[in-house]
N, C-alpha and C. Protein backbone atom coordinates (compact mmCIF):
# COMPACT_ATOMS: atom_id res chain seq x y z
N UNK A 1 -3.65 -11.57 2.02
CA UNK A 1 -2.65 -12.26 1.24
C UNK A 1 -1.24 -11.82 1.63
N UNK A 2 -1.12 -10.51 1.88
CA UNK A 2 0.18 -9.97 2.24
C UNK A 2 0.68 -10.60 3.54
N UNK A 3 -0.20 -10.73 4.53
CA UNK A 3 0.21 -11.33 5.80
C UNK A 3 0.56 -12.80 5.62
N UNK A 4 -0.14 -13.50 4.76
CA UNK A 4 0.21 -14.89 4.49
C UNK A 4 1.62 -14.99 3.93
N UNK A 5 1.93 -14.11 2.98
CA UNK A 5 3.28 -14.11 2.41
C UNK A 5 4.33 -13.84 3.49
N UNK A 6 4.06 -12.91 4.38
CA UNK A 6 5.00 -12.61 5.46
C UNK A 6 5.18 -13.83 6.38
N UNK A 7 4.07 -14.41 6.80
CA UNK A 7 4.12 -15.54 7.73
C UNK A 7 4.79 -16.75 7.08
N UNK A 8 4.40 -17.08 5.87
CA UNK A 8 4.94 -18.25 5.19
C UNK A 8 6.44 -18.12 4.91
N UNK A 9 6.93 -16.90 4.78
CA UNK A 9 8.34 -16.70 4.46
C UNK A 9 9.19 -16.36 5.68
N UNK A 10 8.61 -16.38 6.85
CA UNK A 10 9.37 -16.15 8.07
C UNK A 10 10.05 -17.46 8.45
N UNK A 11 11.37 -17.48 8.38
CA UNK A 11 12.13 -18.72 8.61
C UNK A 11 12.22 -19.09 10.09
N UNK A 12 11.86 -18.16 11.00
CA UNK A 12 11.94 -18.46 12.43
C UNK A 12 10.84 -19.41 12.88
N UNK A 13 9.71 -19.38 12.20
CA UNK A 13 8.56 -20.17 12.63
C UNK A 13 8.04 -21.00 11.47
N UNK A 14 7.66 -22.24 11.73
CA UNK A 14 7.16 -23.11 10.66
C UNK A 14 5.65 -22.97 10.45
N UNK A 15 5.13 -21.77 10.57
CA UNK A 15 3.70 -21.55 10.46
C UNK A 15 3.27 -21.50 9.00
N UNK A 16 2.03 -21.93 8.77
CA UNK A 16 1.41 -21.83 7.45
C UNK A 16 0.03 -21.22 7.66
N UNK A 17 -0.23 -20.12 7.02
CA UNK A 17 -1.53 -19.45 7.16
C UNK A 17 -2.49 -20.01 6.11
N UNK A 18 -3.64 -20.50 6.56
CA UNK A 18 -4.63 -21.07 5.65
C UNK A 18 -5.90 -20.22 5.58
N UNK A 19 -6.13 -19.43 6.63
CA UNK A 19 -7.31 -18.57 6.66
C UNK A 19 -7.00 -17.37 7.54
N UNK A 20 -7.87 -16.39 7.49
CA UNK A 20 -7.68 -15.19 8.28
C UNK A 20 -9.00 -14.67 8.81
N UNK A 21 -8.92 -13.80 9.78
CA UNK A 21 -10.09 -13.15 10.36
C UNK A 21 -9.83 -11.66 10.38
N UNK A 22 -10.80 -10.91 9.88
CA UNK A 22 -10.71 -9.45 9.93
C UNK A 22 -11.77 -8.95 10.90
N UNK A 23 -11.32 -8.18 11.91
CA UNK A 23 -12.22 -7.52 12.84
C UNK A 23 -12.26 -6.05 12.47
N UNK A 24 -13.45 -5.53 12.20
CA UNK A 24 -13.61 -4.14 11.81
C UNK A 24 -13.79 -3.28 13.06
N UNK A 25 -13.18 -2.11 13.06
CA UNK A 25 -13.19 -1.26 14.25
C UNK A 25 -14.39 -0.34 14.34
N UNK A 26 -15.14 -0.21 13.27
CA UNK A 26 -16.34 0.63 13.29
C UNK A 26 -17.56 -0.24 13.50
N UNK A 27 -18.40 0.19 14.42
CA UNK A 27 -19.62 -0.56 14.70
C UNK A 27 -20.63 -0.38 13.58
N UNK A 28 -21.45 -1.42 13.39
CA UNK A 28 -22.52 -1.38 12.40
C UNK A 28 -23.82 -1.77 13.10
N UNK A 29 -24.94 -1.28 12.54
CA UNK A 29 -26.25 -1.65 13.09
C UNK A 29 -26.66 -3.01 12.53
N UNK A 30 -27.06 -3.89 13.44
CA UNK A 30 -27.55 -5.21 13.04
C UNK A 30 -28.68 -5.57 13.98
N UNK A 31 -29.90 -5.66 13.45
CA UNK A 31 -31.09 -5.92 14.25
C UNK A 31 -31.25 -4.87 15.36
N UNK A 32 -30.95 -3.62 15.03
CA UNK A 32 -31.10 -2.54 15.99
C UNK A 32 -29.98 -2.45 17.01
N UNK A 33 -29.01 -3.32 16.93
CA UNK A 33 -27.90 -3.34 17.88
C UNK A 33 -26.62 -2.84 17.20
N UNK A 34 -25.76 -2.18 17.97
CA UNK A 34 -24.44 -1.82 17.48
C UNK A 34 -23.53 -3.03 17.67
N UNK A 35 -22.96 -3.52 16.58
CA UNK A 35 -22.07 -4.68 16.65
C UNK A 35 -20.80 -4.41 15.84
N UNK A 36 -19.75 -5.10 16.22
CA UNK A 36 -18.52 -5.06 15.46
C UNK A 36 -18.55 -6.21 14.46
N UNK A 37 -18.24 -5.90 13.23
CA UNK A 37 -18.28 -6.92 12.18
C UNK A 37 -16.98 -7.73 12.21
N UNK A 38 -17.10 -9.03 12.00
CA UNK A 38 -15.96 -9.94 11.90
C UNK A 38 -16.16 -10.80 10.66
N UNK A 39 -15.14 -10.87 9.84
CA UNK A 39 -15.20 -11.66 8.61
C UNK A 39 -14.07 -12.67 8.60
N UNK A 40 -14.41 -13.91 8.30
CA UNK A 40 -13.41 -14.97 8.16
C UNK A 40 -13.26 -15.28 6.67
N UNK A 41 -12.03 -15.52 6.25
CA UNK A 41 -11.81 -15.82 4.83
C UNK A 41 -10.73 -16.88 4.68
N UNK A 42 -10.87 -17.67 3.64
CA UNK A 42 -9.85 -18.67 3.29
C UNK A 42 -8.88 -18.06 2.30
N UNK A 43 -7.69 -18.60 2.27
CA UNK A 43 -6.65 -18.10 1.36
C UNK A 43 -6.33 -19.21 0.37
N UNK A 44 -6.30 -18.84 -0.90
CA UNK A 44 -6.03 -19.80 -1.97
C UNK A 44 -4.70 -19.48 -2.63
N UNK A 45 -4.00 -20.52 -3.06
CA UNK A 45 -2.64 -20.34 -3.58
C UNK A 45 -2.58 -19.43 -4.80
N UNK A 46 -3.59 -19.48 -5.67
CA UNK A 46 -3.54 -18.62 -6.86
C UNK A 46 -3.66 -17.14 -6.48
N UNK A 47 -4.40 -16.85 -5.41
CA UNK A 47 -4.51 -15.47 -4.93
C UNK A 47 -3.18 -15.01 -4.33
N UNK A 48 -2.56 -15.88 -3.55
CA UNK A 48 -1.27 -15.55 -2.94
C UNK A 48 -0.21 -15.35 -4.01
N UNK A 49 -0.23 -16.17 -5.03
CA UNK A 49 0.74 -16.03 -6.13
C UNK A 49 0.54 -14.69 -6.84
N UNK A 50 -0.71 -14.31 -7.06
CA UNK A 50 -1.02 -13.03 -7.72
C UNK A 50 -0.49 -11.85 -6.91
N UNK A 51 -0.76 -11.86 -5.60
CA UNK A 51 -0.29 -10.76 -4.73
C UNK A 51 1.24 -10.77 -4.66
N UNK A 52 1.83 -11.95 -4.57
CA UNK A 52 3.29 -12.05 -4.54
C UNK A 52 3.91 -11.46 -5.79
N UNK A 53 3.33 -11.74 -6.95
CA UNK A 53 3.82 -11.17 -8.21
C UNK A 53 3.69 -9.66 -8.22
N UNK A 54 2.58 -9.15 -7.66
CA UNK A 54 2.40 -7.69 -7.57
C UNK A 54 3.47 -7.06 -6.69
N UNK A 55 3.78 -7.70 -5.57
CA UNK A 55 4.80 -7.16 -4.66
C UNK A 55 6.18 -7.13 -5.33
N UNK A 56 6.53 -8.20 -6.02
CA UNK A 56 7.82 -8.25 -6.71
C UNK A 56 7.88 -7.17 -7.77
N UNK A 57 6.81 -7.01 -8.52
CA UNK A 57 6.75 -5.99 -9.57
C UNK A 57 6.85 -4.58 -8.98
N UNK A 58 6.10 -4.30 -7.92
CA UNK A 58 6.13 -2.98 -7.29
C UNK A 58 7.51 -2.68 -6.73
N UNK A 59 8.13 -3.66 -6.09
CA UNK A 59 9.47 -3.46 -5.53
C UNK A 59 10.48 -3.16 -6.64
N UNK A 60 10.39 -3.90 -7.73
CA UNK A 60 11.30 -3.66 -8.87
C UNK A 60 11.12 -2.27 -9.44
N UNK A 61 9.88 -1.82 -9.57
CA UNK A 61 9.62 -0.48 -10.11
C UNK A 61 10.11 0.60 -9.16
N UNK A 62 9.94 0.41 -7.87
CA UNK A 62 10.43 1.39 -6.90
C UNK A 62 11.95 1.48 -6.97
N UNK A 63 12.62 0.34 -7.00
CA UNK A 63 14.08 0.34 -7.06
C UNK A 63 14.58 1.00 -8.35
N UNK A 64 13.80 0.87 -9.44
CA UNK A 64 14.18 1.47 -10.72
C UNK A 64 13.66 2.90 -10.86
N UNK A 65 13.07 3.44 -9.78
CA UNK A 65 12.50 4.80 -9.78
C UNK A 65 11.44 4.98 -10.86
N UNK A 66 10.62 3.95 -11.05
CA UNK A 66 9.51 4.02 -11.99
C UNK A 66 8.25 4.26 -11.17
N UNK A 67 7.67 5.44 -11.33
CA UNK A 67 6.47 5.81 -10.59
C UNK A 67 5.39 6.22 -11.57
N UNK A 68 4.16 6.34 -11.08
CA UNK A 68 3.06 6.83 -11.90
C UNK A 68 3.45 8.18 -12.47
N UNK A 69 3.36 8.35 -13.78
CA UNK A 69 3.88 9.57 -14.41
C UNK A 69 3.14 10.84 -14.03
N UNK A 70 1.90 10.77 -13.66
CA UNK A 70 1.15 11.98 -13.30
C UNK A 70 0.51 12.63 -14.50
N UNK A 71 0.18 13.90 -14.35
CA UNK A 71 -0.59 14.61 -15.37
C UNK A 71 0.27 15.24 -16.45
N UNK A 72 1.56 15.48 -16.16
CA UNK A 72 2.46 16.06 -17.15
C UNK A 72 2.44 17.58 -17.21
N UNK A 73 1.63 18.20 -16.36
CA UNK A 73 1.58 19.67 -16.35
C UNK A 73 2.91 20.22 -15.84
N UNK A 74 3.36 21.29 -16.44
CA UNK A 74 4.66 21.88 -16.11
C UNK A 74 4.76 22.32 -14.65
N UNK A 75 3.66 22.80 -14.05
CA UNK A 75 3.73 23.28 -12.68
C UNK A 75 3.19 22.28 -11.65
N UNK A 76 2.98 21.04 -12.05
CA UNK A 76 2.46 20.01 -11.14
C UNK A 76 3.58 19.56 -10.20
N UNK A 77 3.33 19.68 -8.90
CA UNK A 77 4.35 19.32 -7.91
C UNK A 77 4.69 17.84 -7.96
N UNK A 78 3.68 16.97 -8.12
CA UNK A 78 3.95 15.53 -8.18
C UNK A 78 4.78 15.18 -9.41
N UNK A 79 4.40 15.70 -10.57
CA UNK A 79 5.15 15.38 -11.80
C UNK A 79 6.59 15.87 -11.70
N UNK A 80 6.79 17.06 -11.16
CA UNK A 80 8.15 17.57 -11.00
C UNK A 80 8.95 16.74 -10.01
N UNK A 81 8.32 16.29 -8.98
CA UNK A 81 9.01 15.47 -7.98
C UNK A 81 9.39 14.11 -8.56
N UNK A 82 8.44 13.45 -9.24
CA UNK A 82 8.66 12.09 -9.70
C UNK A 82 9.42 12.02 -11.03
N UNK A 83 8.96 12.74 -12.03
CA UNK A 83 9.55 12.57 -13.35
C UNK A 83 10.77 13.43 -13.61
N UNK A 84 10.89 14.54 -12.89
CA UNK A 84 12.02 15.44 -13.13
C UNK A 84 13.02 15.41 -11.99
N UNK A 85 12.75 14.58 -10.97
CA UNK A 85 13.63 14.44 -9.81
C UNK A 85 13.95 15.76 -9.13
N UNK A 86 12.97 16.67 -9.14
CA UNK A 86 13.17 17.94 -8.44
C UNK A 86 13.08 17.70 -6.94
N UNK A 87 13.97 18.28 -6.16
CA UNK A 87 13.90 18.07 -4.71
C UNK A 87 12.66 18.72 -4.11
N UNK A 88 12.23 18.17 -2.99
CA UNK A 88 11.02 18.65 -2.34
C UNK A 88 11.13 20.12 -1.99
N UNK A 89 12.29 20.60 -1.55
CA UNK A 89 12.42 21.99 -1.15
C UNK A 89 12.29 22.96 -2.32
N UNK A 90 12.21 22.44 -3.55
CA UNK A 90 12.02 23.30 -4.72
C UNK A 90 10.58 23.78 -4.82
N UNK A 91 9.68 23.18 -4.05
CA UNK A 91 8.29 23.57 -4.09
C UNK A 91 8.07 24.70 -3.11
N UNK A 92 7.68 25.85 -3.61
CA UNK A 92 7.55 27.01 -2.74
C UNK A 92 6.18 27.12 -2.10
N UNK A 93 5.13 26.70 -2.79
CA UNK A 93 3.78 26.83 -2.24
C UNK A 93 3.16 25.44 -2.12
N UNK A 94 3.37 24.81 -0.99
CA UNK A 94 2.83 23.48 -0.78
C UNK A 94 1.67 23.54 0.19
N UNK A 95 0.60 22.83 -0.15
CA UNK A 95 -0.56 22.74 0.73
C UNK A 95 -0.46 21.50 1.59
N UNK A 96 -1.47 21.30 2.45
CA UNK A 96 -1.48 20.12 3.32
C UNK A 96 -1.52 18.83 2.52
N UNK A 97 -2.31 18.79 1.43
CA UNK A 97 -2.42 17.59 0.61
C UNK A 97 -1.08 17.25 -0.02
N UNK A 98 -0.36 18.27 -0.46
CA UNK A 98 0.94 18.05 -1.10
C UNK A 98 1.92 17.45 -0.10
N UNK A 99 1.88 17.90 1.13
CA UNK A 99 2.76 17.35 2.15
C UNK A 99 2.50 15.85 2.32
N UNK A 100 1.24 15.46 2.34
CA UNK A 100 0.90 14.05 2.50
C UNK A 100 1.42 13.23 1.33
N UNK A 101 1.21 13.71 0.11
CA UNK A 101 1.63 12.98 -1.08
C UNK A 101 3.15 12.86 -1.12
N UNK A 102 3.84 13.96 -0.94
CA UNK A 102 5.29 13.93 -1.01
C UNK A 102 5.89 13.17 0.16
N UNK A 103 5.32 13.29 1.33
CA UNK A 103 5.82 12.57 2.50
C UNK A 103 5.72 11.07 2.30
N UNK A 104 4.59 10.60 1.74
CA UNK A 104 4.42 9.18 1.48
C UNK A 104 5.42 8.71 0.43
N UNK A 105 5.68 9.54 -0.56
CA UNK A 105 6.63 9.17 -1.61
C UNK A 105 8.04 9.07 -1.05
N UNK A 106 8.40 9.98 -0.18
CA UNK A 106 9.75 10.00 0.36
C UNK A 106 10.01 8.79 1.23
N UNK A 107 9.00 8.24 1.86
CA UNK A 107 9.19 7.09 2.72
C UNK A 107 9.56 5.86 1.92
N UNK A 108 9.34 5.85 0.62
CA UNK A 108 9.67 4.69 -0.21
C UNK A 108 11.16 4.61 -0.49
N UNK A 109 11.87 5.72 -0.39
CA UNK A 109 13.29 5.73 -0.73
C UNK A 109 14.12 5.00 0.29
C-alpha cells in the first residue's frame, strides 16, 4: 500500500498501481525442491485510504514529538529519551540493543 501511495502521488509519471508482486529472498521447500516464493496481490482503495490515514497520523505525531510513552520507570533509557527529552549522551551504560533503539529514534528527527 505504501508503494502505491508513493507511485500514485509522484507527479513526474502518470502511473497507477493496481497490483503488486512480492518476491521473497529466502528459499522454501516445495515438493522437495528449494524454491523462491512469489506472491501477487491486488490493491483496493479502502486499504490504500487506511494506510494513507495511518501515514498522516504518524507524521503528525512525529512532528508533535508524540511517541510511545514506554514503561515509565525512572531509570528506563527509552522513557528518559522520549518523555523527558534527555539527550542520548546522558545515558552512561548503553548496550547494543539500546543503540539500535535510540539510533532508530534519532533518524526520525
